[in-house]
Amino acid sequence: MSGTFTVYSTPWCGYCHRLKGQLKREGIEFDEVDIEAQPDAALLVEKANNGNQTVPTLIFADGTALTNPSVAQVKAQLALA
């Protein structure tokens, strides 16, 4: 089953690895996209971050985005959905 948001990340990003591990431990499902492997995804990340390819960037089904959030911030955002 797919998650209600997508984590845009890179393989070398320590913050990305940490957040994804925390989300998995919390049982929060998500989709994942490597922006280095998918240039179109990098453009989405840039759009959400004023032209910067900042990861992890999470984009939710409603179009909202969070950049380098804590698990608490993700849970709060999911509660709004």
Protein backbone atom coordinates (compact mmCIF):
# COMPACT_ATOMS: atom_id res chain seq x y z
CA MET A 1 0.00 0.00 0.00
CA SER A 2 1.24 3.46 -0.87
CA GLY A 3 1.70 6.21 1.66
CA THR A 4 -0.14 9.51 1.67
CA PHE A 5 3.06 11.40 0.92
CA THR A 6 6.30 11.04 -1.00
CA VAL A 7 9.78 11.47 0.44
CA TYR A 8 12.12 13.02 -2.10
CA SER A 9 15.69 12.16 -1.19
CA THR A 10 19.16 11.16 -2.37
CA PRO A 11 21.13 8.00 -1.53
CA TRP A 12 23.89 9.98 0.22
CA CYS A 13 21.68 12.22 2.41
CA GLY A 14 22.11 11.43 6.10
CA TYR A 15 19.03 13.45 7.08
CA CYS A 16 17.00 11.44 4.56
CA HIS A 17 18.19 8.10 5.96
CA ARG A 18 17.42 9.20 9.52
CA LEU A 19 13.92 10.46 8.73
CA LYS A 20 12.99 7.41 6.65
CA GLY A 21 14.18 5.12 9.46
CA GLN A 22 12.14 7.05 12.02
CA LEU A 23 9.02 6.95 9.83
CA LYS A 24 9.40 3.19 9.32
CA ARG A 25 9.80 2.62 13.07
CA GLU A 26 6.59 4.62 13.61
CA GLY A 27 4.78 2.50 11.03
CA ILE A 28 4.16 5.49 8.77
CA GLU A 29 4.00 4.42 5.14
CA PHE A 30 5.38 6.62 2.38
CA ASP A 31 6.53 6.53 -1.20
CA GLU A 32 10.13 7.38 -1.99
CA VAL A 33 11.79 9.05 -4.97
CA ASP A 34 15.53 9.51 -5.56
CA ILE A 35 15.82 12.95 -7.15
CA GLU A 36 19.20 12.06 -8.66
CA ALA A 37 17.60 9.18 -10.60
CA GLN A 38 14.51 11.18 -11.61
CA PRO A 39 15.27 14.70 -12.87
CA ASP A 40 11.55 15.60 -13.00
CA ALA A 41 11.36 14.91 -9.26
CA ALA A 42 14.29 17.27 -8.66
CA LEU A 43 12.24 20.01 -10.33
CA LEU A 44 9.34 19.33 -7.92
CA VAL A 45 11.73 19.65 -4.99
CA GLU A 46 13.12 22.91 -6.38
CA LYS A 47 9.59 24.28 -6.76
CA ALA A 48 8.79 23.43 -3.13
CA ASN A 49 12.05 24.97 -1.87
CA ASN A 50 12.46 28.29 -3.66
CA GLY A 51 14.75 26.82 -6.33
CA ASN A 52 16.85 24.66 -4.00
CA GLN A 53 17.21 20.90 -4.21
CA THR A 54 16.87 20.47 -0.46
CA VAL A 55 16.23 16.93 0.80
CA PRO A 56 14.43 15.35 2.43
CA THR A 57 11.41 17.11 1.02
CA LEU A 58 8.02 15.53 1.67
CA ILE A 59 5.12 16.32 -0.62
CA PHE A 60 1.68 15.29 0.59
CA ALA A 61 -1.37 14.24 -1.41
CA ASP A 62 -2.95 17.67 -0.87
CA GLY A 63 0.07 19.39 -2.42
CA THR A 64 1.58 20.71 0.81
CA ALA A 65 5.28 20.18 1.44
CA LEU A 66 7.64 19.90 4.40
CA THR A 67 11.41 20.20 4.15
CA ASN A 68 13.63 18.23 6.55
CA PRO A 69 10.77 17.79 9.03
CA SER A 70 10.78 15.96 12.34
CA VAL A 71 8.59 12.89 12.77
CA ALA A 72 6.34 15.01 15.01
CA GLN A 73 5.87 17.50 12.18
CA VAL A 74 5.00 14.70 9.76
CA LYS A 75 2.47 13.26 12.21
CA ALA A 76 0.92 16.70 12.68
CA GLN A 77 0.64 17.17 8.92
CA LEU A 78 -0.95 13.74 8.50
CA ALA A 79 -3.51 14.60 11.19
CA LEU A 80 -4.57 17.56 9.05
CA ALA A 81 -5.14 15.40 5.99
